[in-house]
Amino acid sequence: MEDLQRLVIEHGCQKLMARYCLHLDHLELDQFAGLWAPDGIYKPAAASEPIVGRTAILEWAHAYPKHRLGRHLSANEVVEVIDREHATGTSYAVVFREPDPRPGVLSARVTPRSVAEYTDEFRLTPEGWRFASRVYRINFLQAEESNRPAG
C-alpha cells in the first residue's frame, strides 16, 4: 500500500474519533449514530452488553442525559491500517462534565471527570469510513462519581 493511501485511511479514521466526541457533546444524535456501520457495535463502559446496530446505537443516544454539559477531548489517536477496507485504532478521551449547567455561568468544575480508553475497529463502507466496533473503558474517574472507596 502506498504511503499516501495509508495516510488517507488514517485521517478518515481519526476524523471518526474526533467526530464521536463532537457529536456526543453537542447532542447531534443522528450524526453520532451515523459514525457506525449499519451493523456496527458500540460498548460504552457503563453498558453491561454491547449495543449492536446503528438503530440501537441511535436509541442509546436518545436516552443519553440531555441536562448536563460534557466535553470530550480526544488524544493519542493511533490508527493501524490493516488493508484498504479495514483498520484498528486506540485513543484516550479526557472528559469534563458539568452536571448542572446554567446559561451564562461558567462551570467551576475544571478537573476532568474521567479518562477513557477507546479500542476501535474501522471499516470502509459505501458511506466512507465508519466504526465497525468501538469499545471503551474508564481508566480514571473522579472520586465523587466512582463506586470505589477513597483511600
N, C-alpha and C. Protein backbone atom coordinates (compact mmCIF):
# COMPACT_ATOMS: atom_id res chain seq x y z
N MET A 1 0.85 -1.18 0.00
CA MET A 1 0.00 0.00 0.00
C MET A 1 0.90 1.24 0.00
N GLU A 2 0.50 2.21 -0.79
CA GLU A 2 1.26 3.46 -0.88
C GLU A 2 1.10 4.27 0.40
N ASP A 3 2.13 5.06 0.71
CA ASP A 3 2.09 5.90 1.90
C ASP A 3 0.91 6.87 1.88
N LEU A 4 0.61 7.45 0.71
CA LEU A 4 -0.49 8.40 0.62
C LEU A 4 -1.83 7.71 0.93
N GLN A 5 -2.04 6.52 0.43
CA GLN A 5 -3.28 5.78 0.70
C GLN A 5 -3.39 5.48 2.20
N ARG A 6 -2.28 5.09 2.81
CA ARG A 6 -2.27 4.82 4.25
C ARG A 6 -2.64 6.08 5.04
N LEU A 7 -2.09 7.22 4.65
CA LEU A 7 -2.40 8.49 5.33
C LEU A 7 -3.87 8.87 5.17
N VAL A 8 -4.43 8.63 4.00
CA VAL A 8 -5.85 8.94 3.77
C VAL A 8 -6.72 8.09 4.68
N ILE A 9 -6.41 6.82 4.81
CA ILE A 9 -7.18 5.92 5.68
C ILE A 9 -7.03 6.36 7.13
N GLU A 10 -5.80 6.62 7.57
CA GLU A 10 -5.57 7.06 8.96
C GLU A 10 -6.36 8.34 9.24
N HIS A 11 -6.33 9.29 8.33
CA HIS A 11 -7.03 10.55 8.53
C HIS A 11 -8.54 10.33 8.62
N GLY A 12 -9.09 9.50 7.75
CA GLY A 12 -10.53 9.21 7.79
C GLY A 12 -10.95 8.59 9.11
N CYS A 13 -10.14 7.70 9.64
CA CYS A 13 -10.45 7.06 10.92
C CYS A 13 -10.28 8.03 12.08
N GLN A 14 -9.26 8.86 12.04
CA GLN A 14 -9.07 9.85 13.11
C GLN A 14 -10.20 10.87 13.13
N LYS A 15 -10.75 11.20 11.96
CA LYS A 15 -11.91 12.10 11.92
C LYS A 15 -13.10 11.47 12.65
N LEU A 16 -13.28 10.15 12.51
CA LEU A 16 -14.36 9.48 13.24
C LEU A 16 -14.16 9.62 14.74
N MET A 17 -12.93 9.43 15.20
CA MET A 17 -12.63 9.55 16.62
C MET A 17 -12.98 10.94 17.15
N ALA A 18 -12.63 11.97 16.39
CA ALA A 18 -12.92 13.34 16.80
C ALA A 18 -14.41 13.64 16.70
N ARG A 19 -15.04 13.19 15.65
CA ARG A 19 -16.48 13.45 15.48
C ARG A 19 -17.32 12.75 16.54
N TYR A 20 -16.86 11.60 16.99
CA TYR A 20 -17.55 10.92 18.10
C TYR A 20 -17.71 11.89 19.27
N CYS A 21 -16.62 12.53 19.66
CA CYS A 21 -16.64 13.48 20.78
C CYS A 21 -17.52 14.67 20.46
N LEU A 22 -17.35 15.24 19.30
CA LEU A 22 -18.09 16.43 18.91
C LEU A 22 -19.60 16.17 18.88
N HIS A 23 -20.01 15.11 18.21
CA HIS A 23 -21.45 14.83 18.08
C HIS A 23 -22.08 14.46 19.42
N LEU A 24 -21.36 13.72 20.24
CA LEU A 24 -21.92 13.36 21.56
C LEU A 24 -22.03 14.60 22.44
N ASP A 25 -21.00 15.42 22.46
CA ASP A 25 -21.02 16.62 23.30
C ASP A 25 -22.11 17.61 22.90
N HIS A 26 -22.40 17.69 21.61
CA HIS A 26 -23.39 18.65 21.13
C HIS A 26 -24.76 18.00 20.89
N LEU A 27 -24.89 16.76 21.35
CA LEU A 27 -26.15 16.01 21.25
C LEU A 27 -26.68 15.97 19.83
N GLU A 28 -25.77 15.79 18.88
CA GLU A 28 -26.13 15.61 17.47
C GLU A 28 -26.30 14.10 17.26
N LEU A 29 -27.46 13.63 17.63
CA LEU A 29 -27.68 12.19 17.81
C LEU A 29 -27.67 11.41 16.50
N ASP A 30 -28.30 11.93 15.46
CA ASP A 30 -28.29 11.22 14.18
C ASP A 30 -26.87 11.13 13.62
N GLN A 31 -26.12 12.24 13.73
CA GLN A 31 -24.74 12.23 13.25
C GLN A 31 -23.89 11.28 14.09
N PHE A 32 -24.15 11.25 15.39
CA PHE A 32 -23.41 10.35 16.28
C PHE A 32 -23.63 8.90 15.84
N ALA A 33 -24.88 8.49 15.71
CA ALA A 33 -25.17 7.10 15.31
C ALA A 33 -24.64 6.81 13.91
N GLY A 34 -24.61 7.83 13.06
CA GLY A 34 -24.12 7.65 11.70
C GLY A 34 -22.63 7.39 11.59
N LEU A 35 -21.91 7.49 12.70
CA LEU A 35 -20.47 7.20 12.70
C LEU A 35 -20.21 5.69 12.60
N TRP A 36 -21.23 4.87 12.87
CA TRP A 36 -21.08 3.41 12.85
C TRP A 36 -21.57 2.85 11.53
N ALA A 37 -20.99 1.73 11.15
CA ALA A 37 -21.53 0.93 10.05
C ALA A 37 -22.93 0.48 10.47
N PRO A 38 -23.82 0.21 9.53
CA PRO A 38 -25.18 -0.19 9.91
C PRO A 38 -25.22 -1.35 10.91
N ASP A 39 -24.27 -2.25 10.84
CA ASP A 39 -24.21 -3.39 11.77
C ASP A 39 -23.15 -3.20 12.85
N GLY A 40 -22.73 -1.95 13.05
CA GLY A 40 -21.65 -1.66 13.99
C GLY A 40 -21.99 -2.00 15.43
N ILE A 41 -20.94 -2.10 16.23
CA ILE A 41 -21.05 -2.47 17.64
C ILE A 41 -20.48 -1.34 18.48
N TYR A 42 -21.21 -0.97 19.54
CA TYR A 42 -20.76 0.07 20.47
C TYR A 42 -20.88 -0.50 21.88
N LYS A 43 -19.80 -0.40 22.64
CA LYS A 43 -19.79 -0.90 24.01
C LYS A 43 -19.34 0.21 24.95
N PRO A 44 -20.31 1.02 25.46
CA PRO A 44 -19.95 2.01 26.48
C PRO A 44 -19.53 1.32 27.77
N ALA A 45 -18.70 1.97 28.54
CA ALA A 45 -18.19 1.38 29.79
C ALA A 45 -19.32 1.01 30.74
N ALA A 46 -20.37 1.83 30.80
CA ALA A 46 -21.44 1.59 31.76
C ALA A 46 -22.47 0.57 31.28
N ALA A 47 -22.42 0.20 30.00
CA ALA A 47 -23.39 -0.77 29.47
C ALA A 47 -22.92 -2.18 29.79
N SER A 48 -23.85 -3.02 30.21
CA SER A 48 -23.47 -4.40 30.54
C SER A 48 -23.22 -5.23 29.28
N GLU A 49 -23.88 -4.89 28.19
CA GLU A 49 -23.74 -5.62 26.93
C GLU A 49 -23.48 -4.63 25.80
N PRO A 50 -22.81 -5.08 24.75
CA PRO A 50 -22.62 -4.20 23.60
C PRO A 50 -23.96 -3.83 22.95
N ILE A 51 -23.97 -2.67 22.33
CA ILE A 51 -25.13 -2.20 21.58
C ILE A 51 -24.83 -2.52 20.12
N VAL A 52 -25.72 -3.25 19.47
CA VAL A 52 -25.44 -3.75 18.12
C VAL A 52 -26.38 -3.09 17.12
N GLY A 53 -25.80 -2.48 16.11
CA GLY A 53 -26.56 -1.88 15.02
C GLY A 53 -26.77 -0.39 15.21
N ARG A 54 -26.75 0.31 14.09
CA ARG A 54 -26.89 1.77 14.11
C ARG A 54 -28.21 2.20 14.74
N THR A 55 -29.29 1.47 14.47
CA THR A 55 -30.60 1.83 15.04
C THR A 55 -30.57 1.75 16.56
N ALA A 56 -29.98 0.70 17.11
CA ALA A 56 -29.88 0.55 18.56
C ALA A 56 -28.95 1.60 19.16
N ILE A 57 -27.89 1.96 18.43
CA ILE A 57 -26.98 3.00 18.90
C ILE A 57 -27.71 4.34 18.95
N LEU A 58 -28.56 4.61 17.96
CA LEU A 58 -29.34 5.84 17.97
C LEU A 58 -30.31 5.84 19.15
N GLU A 59 -30.93 4.72 19.45
CA GLU A 59 -31.82 4.63 20.62
C GLU A 59 -31.05 4.92 21.90
N TRP A 60 -29.83 4.36 22.02
CA TRP A 60 -28.99 4.63 23.18
C TRP A 60 -28.71 6.13 23.27
N ALA A 61 -28.38 6.75 22.14
CA ALA A 61 -28.06 8.18 22.13
C ALA A 61 -29.27 9.01 22.56
N HIS A 62 -30.46 8.62 22.17
CA HIS A 62 -31.66 9.36 22.57
C HIS A 62 -31.88 9.26 24.08
N ALA A 63 -31.41 8.19 24.71
CA ALA A 63 -31.54 8.04 26.16
C ALA A 63 -30.42 8.74 26.93
N TYR A 64 -29.39 9.22 26.23
CA TYR A 64 -28.26 9.90 26.86
C TYR A 64 -28.77 11.16 27.56
N PRO A 65 -28.34 11.43 28.79
CA PRO A 65 -28.84 12.60 29.53
C PRO A 65 -28.63 13.91 28.76
N LYS A 66 -29.67 14.71 28.70
CA LYS A 66 -29.63 15.96 27.94
C LYS A 66 -29.40 17.19 28.83
N HIS A 67 -29.53 17.05 30.13
CA HIS A 67 -29.48 18.19 31.04
C HIS A 67 -28.06 18.60 31.44
N ARG A 68 -27.07 17.78 31.18
CA ARG A 68 -25.71 18.11 31.62
C ARG A 68 -24.88 18.57 30.44
N LEU A 69 -23.77 19.21 30.75
CA LEU A 69 -22.85 19.70 29.73
C LEU A 69 -21.58 18.87 29.81
N GLY A 70 -21.18 18.28 28.70
CA GLY A 70 -19.96 17.47 28.68
C GLY A 70 -19.07 17.87 27.52
N ARG A 71 -17.78 17.70 27.72
CA ARG A 71 -16.81 17.91 26.66
C ARG A 71 -15.76 16.81 26.73
N HIS A 72 -15.61 16.11 25.61
CA HIS A 72 -14.61 15.05 25.47
C HIS A 72 -13.43 15.61 24.68
N LEU A 73 -12.23 15.44 25.18
CA LEU A 73 -11.02 15.85 24.47
C LEU A 73 -10.29 14.58 24.05
N SER A 74 -10.32 14.29 22.77
CA SER A 74 -9.72 13.06 22.25
C SER A 74 -8.21 13.27 22.06
N ALA A 75 -7.43 12.26 22.44
CA ALA A 75 -5.97 12.38 22.36
C ALA A 75 -5.33 11.02 22.08
N ASN A 76 -4.07 11.05 21.73
CA ASN A 76 -3.28 9.85 21.48
C ASN A 76 -3.97 8.91 20.49
N GLU A 77 -4.50 9.49 19.43
CA GLU A 77 -5.21 8.72 18.41
C GLU A 77 -4.20 8.00 17.52
N VAL A 78 -4.22 6.68 17.58
CA VAL A 78 -3.33 5.86 16.77
C VAL A 78 -4.18 4.93 15.92
N VAL A 79 -3.97 4.98 14.62
CA VAL A 79 -4.69 4.12 13.68
C VAL A 79 -3.69 3.21 12.99
N GLU A 80 -4.01 1.93 13.00
CA GLU A 80 -3.19 0.93 12.30
C GLU A 80 -3.99 0.41 11.11
N VAL A 81 -3.49 0.65 9.91
CA VAL A 81 -4.18 0.22 8.70
C VAL A 81 -3.92 -1.27 8.48
N ILE A 82 -4.99 -2.02 8.30
CA ILE A 82 -4.88 -3.46 8.03
C ILE A 82 -4.83 -3.68 6.52
N ASP A 83 -5.80 -3.11 5.83
CA ASP A 83 -5.84 -3.17 4.36
C ASP A 83 -6.68 -2.00 3.87
N ARG A 84 -7.03 -1.97 2.61
CA ARG A 84 -7.75 -0.83 2.03
C ARG A 84 -9.15 -0.63 2.60
N GLU A 85 -9.69 -1.63 3.31
CA GLU A 85 -11.06 -1.53 3.82
C GLU A 85 -11.18 -1.75 5.33
N HIS A 86 -10.04 -1.95 6.02
CA HIS A 86 -10.08 -2.24 7.46
C HIS A 86 -8.91 -1.58 8.18
N ALA A 87 -9.19 -1.12 9.39
CA ALA A 87 -8.15 -0.53 10.24
C ALA A 87 -8.58 -0.74 11.69
N THR A 88 -7.62 -0.59 12.58
CA THR A 88 -7.90 -0.62 14.02
C THR A 88 -7.34 0.66 14.62
N GLY A 89 -7.77 0.95 15.85
CA GLY A 89 -7.26 2.16 16.48
C GLY A 89 -7.45 2.15 17.98
N THR A 90 -6.72 3.05 18.62
CA THR A 90 -6.87 3.30 20.05
C THR A 90 -6.76 4.80 20.26
N SER A 91 -7.40 5.26 21.31
CA SER A 91 -7.30 6.67 21.70
C SER A 91 -7.76 6.81 23.14
N TYR A 92 -7.51 7.98 23.69
CA TYR A 92 -7.98 8.33 25.02
C TYR A 92 -8.92 9.52 24.88
N ALA A 93 -9.78 9.69 25.86
CA ALA A 93 -10.58 10.90 25.95
C ALA A 93 -10.54 11.37 27.40
N VAL A 94 -10.24 12.63 27.57
CA VAL A 94 -10.36 13.28 28.86
C VAL A 94 -11.73 13.95 28.84
N VAL A 95 -12.54 13.65 29.85
CA VAL A 95 -13.93 14.09 29.84
C VAL A 95 -14.18 15.09 30.98
N PHE A 96 -14.70 16.24 30.59
CA PHE A 96 -15.14 17.25 31.56
C PHE A 96 -16.65 17.23 31.55
N ARG A 97 -17.25 17.39 32.73
CA ARG A 97 -18.71 17.38 32.79
C ARG A 97 -19.21 18.35 33.84
N GLU A 98 -20.21 19.11 33.46
CA GLU A 98 -20.94 19.98 34.38
C GLU A 98 -22.34 19.40 34.51
N PRO A 99 -22.68 18.86 35.69
CA PRO A 99 -23.98 18.21 35.84
C PRO A 99 -25.15 19.18 35.92
N ASP A 100 -24.88 20.46 36.18
CA ASP A 100 -25.95 21.43 36.34
C ASP A 100 -25.60 22.72 35.61
N PRO A 101 -25.54 22.68 34.27
CA PRO A 101 -25.15 23.88 33.53
C PRO A 101 -26.22 24.97 33.64
N ARG A 102 -25.73 26.21 33.68
CA ARG A 102 -26.63 27.36 33.74
C ARG A 102 -26.20 28.34 32.65
N PRO A 103 -27.16 28.79 31.85
CA PRO A 103 -26.81 29.71 30.77
C PRO A 103 -26.08 30.94 31.31
N GLY A 104 -24.96 31.28 30.67
CA GLY A 104 -24.21 32.47 31.05
C GLY A 104 -23.31 32.31 32.25
N VAL A 105 -23.30 31.12 32.88
CA VAL A 105 -22.47 30.89 34.05
C VAL A 105 -21.40 29.87 33.69
N LEU A 106 -20.14 30.26 33.85
CA LEU A 106 -19.05 29.33 33.57
C LEU A 106 -18.98 28.27 34.66
N SER A 107 -18.68 27.06 34.26
CA SER A 107 -18.56 25.98 35.22
C SER A 107 -17.26 26.11 36.00
N ALA A 108 -17.34 25.88 37.31
CA ALA A 108 -16.15 25.89 38.16
C ALA A 108 -15.52 24.50 38.22
N ARG A 109 -16.13 23.51 37.58
CA ARG A 109 -15.62 22.14 37.60
C ARG A 109 -14.55 22.00 36.51
N VAL A 110 -13.34 22.38 36.84
CA VAL A 110 -12.27 22.35 35.84
C VAL A 110 -11.44 21.08 35.90
N THR A 111 -11.69 20.25 36.88
CA THR A 111 -10.99 18.97 36.97
C THR A 111 -11.68 17.97 36.05
N PRO A 112 -10.92 17.20 35.28
CA PRO A 112 -11.58 16.21 34.43
C PRO A 112 -12.40 15.22 35.26
N ARG A 113 -13.56 14.85 34.74
CA ARG A 113 -14.41 13.85 35.38
C ARG A 113 -13.79 12.47 35.24
N SER A 114 -13.25 12.19 34.03
CA SER A 114 -12.73 10.85 33.78
C SER A 114 -11.73 10.87 32.63
N VAL A 115 -11.01 9.75 32.52
CA VAL A 115 -10.18 9.46 31.36
C VAL A 115 -10.64 8.11 30.85
N ALA A 116 -11.01 8.08 29.59
CA ALA A 116 -11.49 6.84 28.97
C ALA A 116 -10.50 6.38 27.91
N GLU A 117 -10.48 5.08 27.68
CA GLU A 117 -9.63 4.49 26.65
C GLU A 117 -10.53 3.76 25.65
N TYR A 118 -10.36 4.08 24.38
CA TYR A 118 -11.17 3.50 23.31
C TYR A 118 -10.36 2.51 22.49
N THR A 119 -11.01 1.42 22.12
CA THR A 119 -10.43 0.43 21.21
C THR A 119 -11.40 0.32 20.04
N ASP A 120 -10.89 0.59 18.84
CA ASP A 120 -11.75 0.69 17.67
C ASP A 120 -11.37 -0.28 16.57
N GLU A 121 -12.41 -0.69 15.83
CA GLU A 121 -12.24 -1.36 14.54
C GLU A 121 -12.99 -0.51 13.54
N PHE A 122 -12.33 -0.20 12.41
CA PHE A 122 -12.91 0.64 11.37
C PHE A 122 -13.12 -0.19 10.11
N ARG A 123 -14.16 0.21 9.35
CA ARG A 123 -14.43 -0.48 8.09
C ARG A 123 -14.86 0.56 7.07
N LEU A 124 -14.36 0.40 5.85
CA LEU A 124 -14.78 1.26 4.75
C LEU A 124 -16.14 0.78 4.26
N THR A 125 -17.11 1.68 4.25
CA THR A 125 -18.47 1.36 3.81
C THR A 125 -18.79 2.25 2.60
N PRO A 126 -19.92 2.04 1.96
CA PRO A 126 -20.31 2.94 0.86
C PRO A 126 -20.45 4.40 1.32
N GLU A 127 -20.65 4.63 2.63
CA GLU A 127 -20.74 5.98 3.18
C GLU A 127 -19.37 6.55 3.55
N GLY A 128 -18.33 5.75 3.47
CA GLY A 128 -17.00 6.16 3.88
C GLY A 128 -16.57 5.34 5.09
N TRP A 129 -15.52 5.78 5.78
CA TRP A 129 -15.02 5.06 6.95
C TRP A 129 -16.02 5.18 8.09
N ARG A 130 -16.29 4.05 8.76
CA ARG A 130 -17.21 4.01 9.88
C ARG A 130 -16.64 3.08 10.94
N PHE A 131 -17.12 3.25 12.18
CA PHE A 131 -16.77 2.30 13.23
C PHE A 131 -17.46 0.97 12.93
N ALA A 132 -16.68 -0.09 12.90
CA ALA A 132 -17.26 -1.43 12.90
C ALA A 132 -17.51 -1.81 14.35
N SER A 133 -16.63 -1.31 15.22
CA SER A 133 -16.74 -1.57 16.65
C SER A 133 -16.02 -0.46 17.41
N ARG A 134 -16.64 -0.01 18.49
CA ARG A 134 -15.99 0.93 19.41
C ARG A 134 -16.31 0.49 20.82
N VAL A 135 -15.25 0.17 21.58
CA VAL A 135 -15.38 -0.28 22.96
C VAL A 135 -14.59 0.70 23.81
N TYR A 136 -15.18 1.11 24.92
CA TYR A 136 -14.38 1.94 25.81
C TYR A 136 -14.52 1.52 27.25
N ARG A 137 -13.46 1.84 27.95
CA ARG A 137 -13.45 1.60 29.40
C ARG A 137 -12.90 2.85 30.06
N ILE A 138 -13.33 3.05 31.28
CA ILE A 138 -12.89 4.21 32.03
C ILE A 138 -11.68 3.82 32.86
N ASN A 139 -10.58 4.55 32.69
CA ASN A 139 -9.35 4.29 33.44
C ASN A 139 -9.30 5.05 34.75
N PHE A 140 -9.79 6.31 34.73
CA PHE A 140 -9.78 7.17 35.90
C PHE A 140 -11.14 7.83 36.01
N LEU A 141 -11.62 7.99 37.25
CA LEU A 141 -12.92 8.59 37.49
C LEU A 141 -12.85 9.40 38.77
N GLN A 142 -13.43 10.61 38.76
CA GLN A 142 -13.46 11.43 39.96
C GLN A 142 -14.05 10.64 41.12
N ALA A 143 -13.52 10.87 42.29
CA ALA A 143 -13.92 10.11 43.48
C ALA A 143 -15.42 10.20 43.74
N GLU A 144 -16.01 11.37 43.57
CA GLU A 144 -17.44 11.50 43.88
C GLU A 144 -18.34 10.75 42.90
N GLU A 145 -17.80 10.34 41.76
CA GLU A 145 -18.59 9.60 40.78
C GLU A 145 -18.23 8.12 40.75
N SER A 146 -17.23 7.74 41.49
CA SER A 146 -16.75 6.37 41.47
C SER A 146 -17.47 5.53 42.53
N ASN A 147 -17.54 4.24 42.27
CA ASN A 147 -18.07 3.31 43.29
C ASN A 147 -16.93 2.67 44.09
N ARG A 148 -15.72 3.17 43.88
CA ARG A 148 -14.55 2.66 44.58
C ARG A 148 -14.31 3.49 45.84
N PRO A 149 -14.07 2.85 46.97
CA PRO A 149 -13.82 3.61 48.21
C PRO A 149 -12.57 4.47 48.10
N ALA A 150 -12.62 5.64 48.70
CA ALA A 150 -11.45 6.53 48.73
C ALA A 150 -10.37 5.93 49.61
N GLY A 151 -9.12 6.27 49.30
CA GLY A 151 -8.05 5.84 50.17
C GLY A 151 -7.01 5.02 49.56
